[in-house]
Amino acid sequence: MMRNQDRNPVFKAVDARMSWTCDDPKSLEDRGLRPRESRAFATPQPDVARTWPPRHRYGMPLLARLVPPAVNSYRMNLFSPAKAP
């Protein structure tokens, strides 16, 4: 997925580019990051969704209902710095 993100029209519609993956976002807490929000590509933040072409904005939620594992397995995670002890 990472190598092909520029070929996928949905990913091309988003300015941000993925540069690494993490199977368990909570595992990054020991590196000073706290997971704040996790969303599937079918349910992006409203500000992000508004930038997508209509066919992607409405098509992704439909695909999420038709083939949930295929769509919901790709997630975007937002992190905050972990609070100092």
Protein backbone atom coordinates (compact mmCIF):
# COMPACT_ATOMS: atom_id res chain seq x y z
CA MET A 1 0.00 0.00 0.00
CA MET A 2 2.79 2.44 0.87
CA ARG A 3 4.55 1.97 -2.46
CA ASN A 4 1.32 2.34 -4.45
CA GLN A 5 -0.26 5.30 -2.69
CA ASP A 6 0.48 7.64 -5.61
CA ARG A 7 -1.32 5.30 -8.02
CA ASN A 8 -4.49 5.03 -5.93
CA PRO A 9 -6.95 7.87 -6.75
CA VAL A 10 -8.21 8.02 -3.16
CA PHE A 11 -4.72 8.45 -1.73
CA LYS A 12 -3.77 10.88 -4.51
CA ALA A 13 -6.64 13.12 -3.41
CA VAL A 14 -5.01 13.58 0.01
CA ASP A 15 -1.99 15.90 0.19
CA ALA A 16 -0.35 14.00 3.05
CA ARG A 17 1.79 10.97 2.20
CA MET A 18 2.30 7.93 4.39
CA SER A 19 5.92 7.28 5.21
CA TRP A 20 5.80 4.39 7.68
CA THR A 21 3.40 1.85 9.17
CA CYS A 22 2.65 0.60 12.67
CA ASP A 23 0.53 -2.45 13.50
CA ASP A 24 -0.13 -1.29 17.07
CA PRO A 25 -0.20 2.50 17.58
CA LYS A 26 -0.20 2.08 21.38
CA SER A 27 3.27 0.53 21.08
CA LEU A 28 4.59 4.03 20.29
CA GLU A 29 3.71 5.38 23.74
CA ASP A 30 7.13 4.34 25.07
CA ARG A 31 8.63 6.59 22.36
CA GLY A 32 6.78 9.64 23.62
CA LEU A 33 3.68 9.47 21.41
CA ARG A 34 0.11 8.99 22.61
CA PRO A 35 -2.54 7.83 20.12
CA ARG A 36 -5.22 10.52 20.02
CA GLU A 37 -7.44 9.41 17.17
CA SER A 38 -7.56 6.52 14.72
CA ARG A 39 -9.75 6.53 11.62
CA ALA A 40 -10.24 4.25 8.67
CA PHE A 41 -9.85 5.83 5.24
CA ALA A 42 -13.60 5.45 4.80
CA THR A 43 -14.22 7.76 7.76
CA PRO A 44 -11.66 10.59 7.54
CA GLN A 45 -11.90 13.78 9.54
CA PRO A 46 -14.57 16.06 8.00
CA ASP A 47 -11.96 18.64 6.92
CA VAL A 48 -10.06 15.91 5.05
CA ALA A 49 -13.21 14.42 3.49
CA ARG A 50 -14.22 17.80 2.07
CA THR A 51 -11.03 17.86 -0.01
CA TRP A 52 -11.84 14.52 -1.69
CA PRO A 53 -13.65 14.32 -5.03
CA PRO A 54 -17.32 13.36 -4.54
CA ARG A 55 -16.87 9.84 -5.94
CA HIS A 56 -14.31 9.09 -3.22
CA ARG A 57 -16.08 11.03 -0.48
CA TYR A 58 -19.24 8.96 -0.98
CA GLY A 59 -17.71 5.81 -2.44
CA MET A 60 -15.39 5.00 0.47
CA PRO A 61 -18.18 4.76 3.07
CA LEU A 62 -20.13 2.56 0.66
CA LEU A 63 -17.12 0.28 0.15
CA ALA A 64 -16.65 0.14 3.93
CA ARG A 65 -20.14 -1.33 4.23
CA LEU A 66 -19.69 -3.76 1.33
CA VAL A 67 -16.16 -5.01 2.10
CA PRO A 68 -15.33 -3.79 5.63
CA PRO A 69 -12.06 -5.72 6.14
CA ALA A 70 -10.55 -4.41 2.90
CA VAL A 71 -11.35 -0.78 3.67
CA ASN A 72 -11.16 -0.59 7.45
CA SER A 73 -7.79 -2.31 7.77
CA TYR A 74 -6.04 0.85 6.52
CA ARG A 75 -6.08 3.46 9.23
CA MET A 76 -4.80 6.98 9.78
CA ASN A 77 -3.58 7.66 13.30
CA LEU A 78 -3.18 11.03 14.95
CA PHE A 79 -0.72 11.26 17.83
CA SER A 80 -0.01 13.75 20.61
CA PRO A 81 3.19 13.99 22.60
CA ALA A 82 2.91 11.75 25.66
CA LYS A 83 2.69 13.61 28.94
CA ALA A 84 5.81 13.61 31.06
CA PRO A 85 5.62 11.36 34.15
